[in-house]
Amino acid sequence: MSTEIQSTIRDICNKAKGASRQLARAAAYDLNYALEQIALALEAHKTEIVAANAKDLEAGKSKGLTGAMLQRLELNDKVYQQMVDGVRQIIALPCPLGEILFGRTRPNGLEIQKIRVPIGVIGIIYESRPNVTVDAAALCLKAGNAVVLRGGSEAIHSNLALAIALQKGLAAAGLPAASVQLIPTTDRDAITTLCQQSDTVDLLIPRGGYGLIKTVTENARMPVIKHFNGICHLYVHPKANFDMAEKIILNAKCQKPGVCNALETLLVDTAIAETFIPRIVAALQSKGVEVRGDSYTQKLGGIVVKLATEEDWGTEYLDLILSIKTVNNLSDAVAHMDQYGSHHSDGIITDDAAAAADFFRMMDSAALFWNASTRFNDGFEFGFGAEIGISTDKIHARGPMGLEELTSYKYLVRGNGQVRT
């Protein structure tokens, strides 16, 4: 491991720790003002940032990145404006800091309050989408945290340019530029080095595939909240409305296939398979989706259906590819999701309320859906504003992580001379 990388990351984390102390004392107004200055800086430096993004796109094409991956990488005008608007949407959200979670007075007269406070320094390791750089920084800042960012190699030029704009915005607001820092190397040793900075980094949040999550969880010396891959399922129950089912499935798979809440495996009950599978395969084909299925799906769907392998059931395609498997009942569907899924976003399509209730009771995922697209597992769609990601953990935070999930708490105890006997 390079001593230069170690030295650079230690320096970044030490500066972040110092910045976090200043942020923890900043008023909500100061944090919002800094975010507005960041939005203005992003607008002012759009030309340089888009030019940097063009370098990443060209490099991505040369490396053979898929169309879906290139779509995730591109900062086109629409995505760029959404990124800037997202910062201002975060400004409009209520500040969670100082919120009283509960208060009580003990029989001895002690007054105890539990209030929200920043976590401190958050390290975020992510892949592909450069707009995550801005979303993550803005959310962490709003919650009073400093953030150390390590993006993917495919977006290095975009991320470096964005980080410069973020720091210019912070400086214009009078807050330390070290409140947001990007690790300036794509060397994978940087990840393991960051994992060792437990004296300065309070929390790590990895967002990406299995290899990244495994590396972080095996090496981290501080708490980790995993934002794991999304092997998302929908089960079409015998009492499903076929029109509704088709609409939901096409949205969940096709609306934005390169994201973690997109549908990857469709489970169809054998009671309706003969009627529904030919219909849904044709609908998916019309949208350019490659269909892979078990032998019964292949028989019903025709030659356009490729025979699925065991590996397909546990694959997050992030592309216009969908696996279809037939199951005998709800229990079989849940068993398949338990065995192959990532417990990210899973759903049932049915008009039978009792079946939906059974599904909600039996299945344990971060978000469960009844007659709705898995694409709704999103902080903005849940009304949280922006999000840092979607946690598949069960401790501290689960599902979309908004501002509240980026805080901790402390207790304030007020007395008038009480002593313990």
Protein backbone atom coordinates (compact mmCIF):
# COMPACT_ATOMS: atom_id res chain seq x y z
CA MET A 1 0.00 0.00 0.00
CA SER A 2 1.39 3.39 -1.01
CA THR A 3 2.61 5.57 1.85
CA GLU A 4 1.61 8.59 -0.25
CA ILE A 5 -2.01 7.40 -0.41
CA GLN A 6 -2.02 6.73 3.33
CA SER A 7 -0.63 10.18 4.07
CA THR A 8 -3.09 11.91 1.74
CA ILE A 9 -6.13 10.19 3.22
CA ARG A 10 -5.02 10.73 6.81
CA ASP A 11 -4.61 14.43 6.03
CA ILE A 12 -8.05 14.61 4.38
CA CYS A 13 -9.71 12.88 7.33
CA ASN A 14 -7.94 15.04 9.92
CA LYS A 15 -9.11 18.18 8.11
CA ALA A 16 -12.63 16.75 7.94
CA LYS A 17 -12.62 16.15 11.70
CA GLY A 18 -11.68 19.75 12.35
CA ALA A 19 -14.33 20.98 9.93
CA SER A 20 -16.97 18.78 11.57
CA ARG A 21 -16.49 20.59 14.89
CA GLN A 22 -17.23 23.92 13.23
CA LEU A 23 -20.25 22.52 11.39
CA ALA A 24 -21.67 21.10 14.63
CA ARG A 25 -21.75 24.62 16.05
CA ALA A 26 -23.22 26.25 12.94
CA ALA A 27 -26.78 27.52 12.97
CA ALA A 28 -29.36 26.14 10.55
CA TYR A 29 -29.26 29.48 8.73
CA ASP A 30 -25.50 29.18 8.17
CA LEU A 31 -25.84 25.66 6.78
CA ASN A 32 -28.61 26.72 4.41
CA TYR A 33 -26.62 29.75 3.29
CA ALA A 34 -23.68 27.47 2.49
CA LEU A 35 -25.94 25.21 0.43
CA GLU A 36 -27.22 28.18 -1.55
CA GLN A 37 -23.65 29.26 -2.25
CA ILE A 38 -22.94 25.72 -3.43
CA ALA A 39 -25.92 25.86 -5.81
CA LEU A 40 -24.65 29.17 -7.20
CA ALA A 41 -21.14 27.75 -7.60
CA LEU A 42 -22.50 24.76 -9.51
CA GLU A 43 -24.35 27.11 -11.84
CA ALA A 44 -21.28 29.31 -12.30
CA HIS A 45 -18.94 26.40 -13.07
CA LYS A 46 -21.24 24.29 -15.22
CA THR A 47 -19.07 24.66 -18.34
CA GLU A 48 -15.94 23.25 -16.65
CA ILE A 49 -17.89 20.47 -14.93
CA VAL A 50 -19.65 19.34 -18.11
CA ALA A 51 -16.32 19.38 -19.97
CA ALA A 52 -14.84 17.15 -17.26
CA ASN A 53 -17.87 14.86 -17.55
CA ALA A 54 -17.30 14.61 -21.31
CA LYS A 55 -13.81 13.20 -20.59
CA ASP A 56 -15.33 10.53 -18.38
CA LEU A 57 -17.95 9.64 -20.98
CA GLU A 58 -15.33 9.30 -23.70
CA ALA A 59 -13.17 7.13 -21.46
CA GLY A 60 -16.23 5.05 -20.55
CA LYS A 61 -17.05 4.40 -24.19
CA SER A 62 -13.45 3.37 -24.83
CA LYS A 63 -13.65 0.90 -21.93
CA GLY A 64 -16.88 -0.58 -23.29
CA LEU A 65 -19.27 0.58 -20.56
CA THR A 66 -22.87 -0.44 -21.26
CA GLY A 67 -25.47 2.07 -22.36
CA ALA A 68 -27.10 1.93 -18.94
CA MET A 69 -23.78 2.66 -17.21
CA LEU A 70 -23.07 5.57 -19.54
CA GLN A 71 -26.54 6.92 -18.81
CA ARG A 72 -25.74 6.84 -15.08
CA LEU A 73 -22.49 8.67 -15.76
CA GLU A 74 -23.77 11.46 -18.01
CA LEU A 75 -24.42 14.98 -16.66
CA ASN A 76 -26.71 16.18 -19.42
CA ASP A 77 -28.63 19.46 -19.07
CA LYS A 78 -31.62 17.79 -17.43
CA VAL A 79 -29.56 15.82 -14.91
CA TYR A 80 -27.39 18.85 -14.16
CA GLN A 81 -30.39 21.06 -13.47
CA GLN A 82 -31.95 18.36 -11.30
CA MET A 83 -28.68 18.21 -9.36
CA VAL A 84 -28.71 21.96 -8.71
CA ASP A 85 -32.43 21.94 -7.94
CA GLY A 86 -31.79 19.08 -5.53
CA VAL A 87 -29.47 21.27 -3.47
CA ARG A 88 -32.17 23.93 -3.17
CA GLN A 89 -34.76 21.31 -2.29
CA ILE A 90 -32.52 20.27 0.59
CA ILE A 91 -32.35 23.89 1.72
CA ALA A 92 -36.15 23.92 1.92
CA LEU A 93 -36.26 20.85 4.17
CA PRO A 94 -36.60 21.34 7.94
CA CYS A 95 -33.27 21.16 9.74
CA PRO A 96 -33.25 18.07 12.00
CA LEU A 97 -30.54 19.37 14.33
CA GLY A 98 -31.66 20.22 17.83
CA GLU A 99 -34.99 18.43 17.42
CA ILE A 100 -36.19 17.15 20.79
CA LEU A 101 -36.86 13.44 20.39
CA PHE A 102 -38.31 13.14 23.87
CA GLY A 103 -38.29 14.96 27.19
CA ARG A 104 -39.19 13.79 30.67
CA THR A 105 -38.86 14.83 34.28
CA ARG A 106 -37.71 12.19 36.73
CA PRO A 107 -39.20 11.87 40.27
CA ASN A 108 -36.05 13.50 41.67
CA GLY A 109 -36.63 16.59 39.53
CA LEU A 110 -34.00 15.91 36.85
CA GLU A 111 -35.13 17.08 33.40
CA ILE A 112 -33.88 14.83 30.61
CA GLN A 113 -34.03 15.61 26.89
CA LYS A 114 -32.87 13.58 23.91
CA ILE A 115 -31.95 15.78 20.92
CA ARG A 116 -30.66 15.25 17.38
CA VAL A 117 -27.03 16.09 16.69
CA PRO A 118 -24.65 15.51 13.74
CA ILE A 119 -22.83 12.20 13.43
CA GLY A 120 -19.53 13.99 12.74
CA VAL A 121 -17.45 12.81 9.77
CA ILE A 122 -19.10 10.51 7.24
CA GLY A 123 -17.15 8.65 4.57
CA ILE A 124 -19.13 7.75 1.46
CA ILE A 125 -17.78 5.31 -1.13
CA TYR A 126 -19.82 5.08 -4.30
CA GLU A 127 -19.70 4.22 -7.99
CA SER A 128 -20.78 5.62 -11.36
CA ARG A 129 -23.15 8.54 -10.88
CA PRO A 130 -21.32 11.86 -10.35
CA ASN A 131 -24.49 13.60 -9.16
CA VAL A 132 -24.11 11.49 -5.99
CA THR A 133 -21.13 13.71 -5.18
CA VAL A 134 -23.43 16.72 -4.86
CA ASP A 135 -26.41 14.92 -3.32
CA ALA A 136 -24.28 13.27 -0.64
CA ALA A 137 -22.36 16.45 0.19
CA ALA A 138 -25.50 18.58 0.44
CA LEU A 139 -27.35 16.12 2.67
CA CYS A 140 -24.39 15.63 4.99
CA LEU A 141 -23.89 19.39 5.29
CA LYS A 142 -27.57 20.03 6.03
CA ALA A 143 -27.29 17.54 8.91
CA GLY A 144 -24.14 19.28 10.17
CA ASN A 145 -21.67 16.59 9.06
CA ALA A 146 -18.37 16.82 7.24
CA VAL A 147 -18.02 14.31 4.43
CA VAL A 148 -15.15 12.47 2.75
CA LEU A 149 -16.13 11.21 -0.70
CA ARG A 150 -14.56 8.44 -2.74
CA GLY A 151 -16.22 8.08 -6.14
CA GLY A 152 -15.70 5.52 -8.86
CA SER A 153 -12.82 5.64 -11.33
CA GLU A 154 -15.22 6.04 -14.26
CA ALA A 155 -16.34 9.46 -12.92
CA ILE A 156 -13.05 10.80 -11.57
CA HIS A 157 -12.86 13.94 -13.76
CA SER A 158 -16.51 14.84 -13.10
CA ASN A 159 -16.15 14.30 -9.36
CA LEU A 160 -12.98 16.37 -9.06
CA ALA A 161 -14.61 19.27 -10.90
CA LEU A 162 -17.75 19.02 -8.76
CA ALA A 163 -15.69 18.92 -5.54
CA ILE A 164 -13.92 22.15 -6.52
CA ALA A 165 -17.28 23.88 -7.03
CA LEU A 166 -18.59 22.54 -3.71
CA GLN A 167 -15.56 23.87 -1.86
CA LYS A 168 -15.85 27.26 -3.54
CA GLY A 169 -19.43 27.48 -2.35
CA LEU A 170 -18.41 26.61 1.21
CA ALA A 171 -15.63 29.20 1.18
CA ALA A 172 -18.04 31.86 -0.09
CA ALA A 173 -20.31 31.07 2.86
CA GLY A 174 -17.49 31.28 5.39
CA LEU A 175 -17.51 27.57 6.28
CA PRO A 176 -14.39 25.38 6.02
CA ALA A 177 -13.75 23.99 2.55
CA ALA A 178 -12.64 20.77 4.24
CA SER A 179 -16.28 20.13 5.15
CA VAL A 180 -16.49 18.40 1.75
CA GLN A 181 -13.47 16.58 0.36
CA LEU A 182 -13.00 14.12 -2.47
CA ILE A 183 -10.24 11.51 -2.35
CA PRO A 184 -8.32 12.40 -5.54
CA THR A 185 -7.16 8.93 -6.52
CA THR A 186 -8.81 5.92 -8.14
CA ASP A 187 -6.36 3.50 -6.52
CA ARG A 188 -8.32 0.82 -4.67
CA ASP A 189 -5.87 1.06 -1.76
CA ALA A 190 -7.61 4.33 -0.97
CA ILE A 191 -10.71 2.40 0.12
CA THR A 192 -8.91 0.16 2.59
CA THR A 193 -6.94 3.13 3.91
CA LEU A 194 -10.15 5.10 4.47
CA CYS A 195 -11.59 2.09 6.29
CA GLN A 196 -8.77 2.37 8.84
CA GLN A 197 -9.40 6.01 9.85
CA SER A 198 -11.56 5.21 12.87
CA ASP A 199 -10.03 8.01 14.93
CA THR A 200 -11.42 10.64 12.54
CA VAL A 201 -14.24 9.02 10.50
CA ASP A 202 -17.39 8.20 12.48
CA LEU A 203 -19.38 6.30 9.84
CA LEU A 204 -18.79 4.71 6.44
CA ILE A 205 -21.50 4.36 3.81
CA PRO A 206 -20.57 2.17 0.80
CA ARG A 207 -22.89 2.30 -2.22
CA GLY A 208 -22.23 -0.21 -4.94
CA GLY A 209 -21.81 -3.83 -5.90
CA TYR A 210 -20.93 -6.92 -3.92
CA GLY A 211 -17.16 -6.52 -4.26
CA LEU A 212 -17.15 -2.97 -2.92
CA ILE A 213 -19.46 -3.80 0.00
CA LYS A 214 -17.37 -6.86 0.89
CA THR A 215 -14.13 -4.87 0.86
CA VAL A 216 -15.54 -2.16 3.12
CA THR A 217 -17.24 -4.45 5.64
CA GLU A 218 -14.15 -6.66 5.95
CA ASN A 219 -11.76 -3.74 6.48
CA ALA A 220 -13.76 -1.04 8.27
CA ARG A 221 -12.85 -0.17 11.84
CA MET A 222 -15.86 2.08 12.27
CA PRO A 223 -19.63 1.47 11.85
CA VAL A 224 -20.81 0.77 8.30
CA ILE A 225 -24.25 1.28 6.77
CA LYS A 226 -24.48 -0.79 3.60
CA HIS A 227 -26.28 0.41 0.48
CA PHE A 228 -26.19 -2.93 -1.23
CA ASN A 229 -27.19 -4.05 -4.69
CA GLY A 230 -30.86 -4.12 -5.55
CA ILE A 231 -32.02 -7.54 -6.71
CA CYS A 232 -35.66 -6.46 -6.71
CA HIS A 233 -38.68 -8.71 -7.30
CA LEU A 234 -42.35 -8.44 -8.17
CA TYR A 235 -44.73 -11.39 -7.70
CA VAL A 236 -47.83 -11.56 -9.89
CA HIS A 237 -50.50 -13.25 -7.78
CA PRO A 238 -53.39 -15.26 -9.32
CA LYS A 239 -55.79 -12.43 -8.42
CA ALA A 240 -53.70 -9.72 -10.09
CA ASN A 241 -55.24 -7.21 -12.49
CA PHE A 242 -53.29 -7.90 -15.68
CA ASP A 243 -53.49 -4.34 -17.01
CA MET A 244 -52.17 -3.00 -13.73
CA ALA A 245 -49.49 -5.68 -13.55
CA GLU A 246 -48.18 -4.91 -17.02
CA LYS A 247 -48.05 -1.18 -16.31
CA ILE A 248 -46.20 -1.68 -13.02
CA ILE A 249 -43.72 -4.21 -14.42
CA LEU A 250 -42.80 -2.06 -17.42
CA ASN A 251 -42.27 0.94 -15.16
CA ALA A 252 -40.21 -1.00 -12.63
CA LYS A 253 -37.94 -2.47 -15.34
CA CYS A 254 -37.80 0.16 -18.07
CA GLN A 255 -38.29 3.63 -16.59
CA LYS A 256 -34.66 3.73 -15.40
CA PRO A 257 -33.03 0.29 -15.59
CA GLY A 258 -29.61 1.31 -14.28
CA VAL A 259 -30.64 2.04 -10.69
CA CYS A 260 -30.85 -0.08 -7.55
CA ASN A 261 -34.66 -0.05 -7.23
CA ALA A 262 -35.27 -1.29 -10.78
CA LEU A 263 -36.95 -4.69 -11.19
CA GLU A 264 -34.56 -7.58 -11.88
CA THR A 265 -36.70 -10.73 -11.40
CA LEU A 266 -40.40 -11.22 -12.08
CA LEU A 267 -42.19 -14.11 -10.36
CA VAL A 268 -45.42 -15.29 -12.00
CA ASP A 269 -47.87 -17.68 -10.34
CA THR A 270 -48.38 -20.86 -12.38
CA ALA A 271 -52.17 -20.41 -12.02
CA ILE A 272 -52.04 -17.47 -14.45
CA ALA A 273 -48.80 -18.20 -16.30
CA GLU A 274 -50.39 -19.50 -19.55
CA THR A 275 -52.32 -16.26 -19.98
CA PHE A 276 -49.99 -13.69 -18.46
CA ILE A 277 -46.51 -14.76 -19.54
CA PRO A 278 -47.03 -14.47 -23.34
CA ARG A 279 -48.58 -11.04 -22.74
CA ILE A 280 -45.82 -9.68 -20.50
CA VAL A 281 -43.02 -11.12 -22.66
CA ALA A 282 -44.47 -9.35 -25.71
CA ALA A 283 -44.81 -6.09 -23.74
CA LEU A 284 -41.22 -6.33 -22.51
CA GLN A 285 -39.97 -7.12 -26.00
CA SER A 286 -41.67 -4.01 -27.33
CA LYS A 287 -39.57 -1.98 -24.87
CA GLY A 288 -36.32 -3.63 -25.91
CA VAL A 289 -36.00 -5.83 -22.82
CA GLU A 290 -34.07 -9.09 -23.06
CA VAL A 291 -36.09 -11.76 -21.27
CA ARG A 292 -34.52 -14.75 -19.53
CA GLY A 293 -36.77 -17.36 -17.98
CA ASP A 294 -37.13 -20.82 -16.52
CA SER A 295 -38.14 -23.65 -18.85
CA TYR A 296 -41.88 -23.07 -18.38
CA THR A 297 -41.53 -19.34 -19.08
CA GLN A 298 -39.49 -20.19 -22.17
CA LYS A 299 -42.18 -22.63 -23.33
CA LEU A 300 -44.95 -20.04 -22.89
CA GLY A 301 -42.99 -16.99 -24.06
CA GLY A 302 -41.47 -18.50 -27.17
CA ILE A 303 -38.01 -18.41 -28.72
CA VAL A 304 -37.43 -14.78 -27.71
CA VAL A 305 -36.98 -16.00 -24.11
CA LYS A 306 -33.46 -17.15 -23.25
CA LEU A 307 -33.13 -19.97 -20.75
CA ALA A 308 -32.12 -18.50 -17.39
CA THR A 309 -29.17 -19.91 -15.48
CA GLU A 310 -28.84 -20.25 -11.71
CA GLU A 311 -26.65 -17.15 -11.77
CA ASP A 312 -29.44 -15.05 -13.32
CA TRP A 313 -31.64 -15.30 -10.24
CA GLY A 314 -29.02 -13.53 -8.13
CA THR A 315 -27.89 -10.96 -10.70
CA GLU A 316 -28.46 -7.21 -10.56
CA TYR A 317 -28.48 -6.44 -14.28
CA LEU A 318 -28.82 -2.64 -14.13
CA ASP A 319 -29.82 -2.94 -17.76
CA LEU A 320 -32.78 -3.83 -19.98
CA ILE A 321 -32.64 -7.50 -18.98
CA LEU A 322 -35.28 -9.27 -16.87
CA SER A 323 -35.48 -12.77 -15.44
CA ILE A 324 -38.89 -14.44 -15.16
CA LYS A 325 -39.61 -17.48 -12.98
CA THR A 326 -42.86 -19.32 -12.41
CA VAL A 327 -43.81 -20.20 -8.82
CA ASN A 328 -46.62 -22.29 -7.40
CA ASN A 329 -47.86 -19.91 -4.70
CA LEU A 330 -47.03 -16.97 -2.45
CA SER A 331 -44.86 -19.09 -0.14
CA ASP A 332 -42.73 -20.20 -3.09
CA ALA A 333 -42.39 -16.60 -4.24
CA VAL A 334 -41.22 -15.46 -0.80
CA ALA A 335 -38.80 -18.41 -0.58
CA HIS A 336 -37.27 -17.40 -3.93
CA MET A 337 -36.90 -13.77 -2.83
CA ASP A 338 -35.30 -14.87 0.44
CA GLN A 339 -32.82 -17.12 -1.33
CA TYR A 340 -31.78 -14.89 -4.22
CA GLY A 341 -32.77 -11.33 -3.35
CA SER A 342 -30.97 -8.54 -1.53
CA HIS A 343 -34.03 -7.50 0.53
CA HIS A 344 -33.99 -4.07 -1.06
CA SER A 345 -37.35 -3.55 -2.82
CA ASP A 346 -39.88 -6.33 -3.36
CA GLY A 347 -43.57 -6.33 -4.20
CA ILE A 348 -46.78 -8.19 -4.91
CA ILE A 349 -49.41 -7.40 -7.54
CA THR A 350 -52.86 -8.60 -6.49
CA ASP A 351 -56.44 -7.52 -5.84
CA ASP A 352 -56.51 -9.85 -2.83
CA ALA A 353 -55.93 -7.78 0.31
CA ALA A 354 -55.39 -10.89 2.44
CA ALA A 355 -52.63 -12.11 0.11
CA ALA A 356 -50.98 -8.70 0.24
CA ALA A 357 -51.16 -8.72 4.04
CA ASP A 358 -49.56 -12.18 4.09
CA PHE A 359 -46.80 -10.94 1.79
CA PHE A 360 -46.12 -7.93 4.04
CA ARG A 361 -45.95 -10.24 7.06
CA MET A 362 -43.82 -12.96 5.48
CA MET A 363 -41.32 -10.90 3.50
CA ASP A 364 -38.54 -8.90 5.17
CA SER A 365 -37.11 -6.23 2.88
CA ALA A 366 -36.23 -2.58 3.38
CA ALA A 367 -39.35 -1.63 1.40
CA LEU A 368 -42.32 -3.76 0.36
CA PHE A 369 -44.88 -2.77 -2.27
CA TRP A 370 -48.45 -3.77 -2.99
CA ASN A 371 -49.69 -2.83 -6.47
CA ALA A 372 -46.92 -0.26 -6.98
CA SER A 373 -43.58 -0.06 -8.78
CA THR A 374 -40.36 -0.80 -6.90
CA ARG A 375 -39.04 2.45 -8.39
CA PHE A 376 -40.82 4.30 -5.57
CA ASN A 377 -38.22 3.16 -3.02
CA ASP A 378 -36.62 6.57 -3.03
CA GLY A 379 -36.19 9.34 -0.50
CA PHE A 380 -37.81 11.99 -2.68
CA GLU A 381 -40.78 9.74 -3.49
CA PHE A 382 -41.20 8.94 0.22
CA GLY A 383 -41.34 12.65 1.00
CA PHE A 384 -37.93 12.79 2.70
CA GLY A 385 -36.45 15.17 0.14
CA ALA A 386 -33.16 13.91 -1.23
CA GLU A 387 -31.48 10.79 0.11
CA ILE A 388 -27.96 9.54 0.72
CA GLY A 389 -28.97 6.13 -0.60
CA ILE A 390 -31.10 3.13 0.32
CA SER A 391 -29.84 1.11 3.25
CA THR A 392 -30.30 -2.65 3.29
CA ASP A 393 -29.13 -2.83 6.91
CA LYS A 394 -31.43 -3.13 9.91
CA ILE A 395 -29.49 -1.15 12.53
CA HIS A 396 -29.66 2.67 12.72
CA ALA A 397 -31.07 3.18 9.23
CA ARG A 398 -33.07 1.09 6.77
CA GLY A 399 -34.54 2.04 3.41
CA PRO A 400 -34.15 5.57 2.03
CA MET A 401 -31.67 7.53 4.16
CA GLY A 402 -32.74 11.15 4.48
CA LEU A 403 -31.60 13.86 6.84
CA GLU A 404 -32.82 12.22 10.04
CA GLU A 405 -30.78 9.09 9.29
CA LEU A 406 -27.65 11.28 9.02
CA THR A 407 -27.93 12.34 12.64
CA SER A 408 -27.23 10.80 16.02
CA TYR A 409 -28.50 12.06 19.36
CA LYS A 410 -27.32 13.15 22.77
CA TYR A 411 -28.96 13.61 26.15
CA LEU A 412 -29.26 16.90 27.99
CA VAL A 413 -29.79 16.57 31.73
CA ARG A 414 -30.82 19.62 33.79
CA GLY A 415 -30.79 19.57 37.56
CA ASN A 416 -30.83 21.88 40.58
CA GLY A 417 -28.29 20.18 42.84
CA GLN A 418 -29.39 16.51 42.69
CA VAL A 419 -26.86 13.88 43.73
CA ARG A 420 -27.19 10.12 43.44
CA THR A 421 -27.52 8.11 46.64
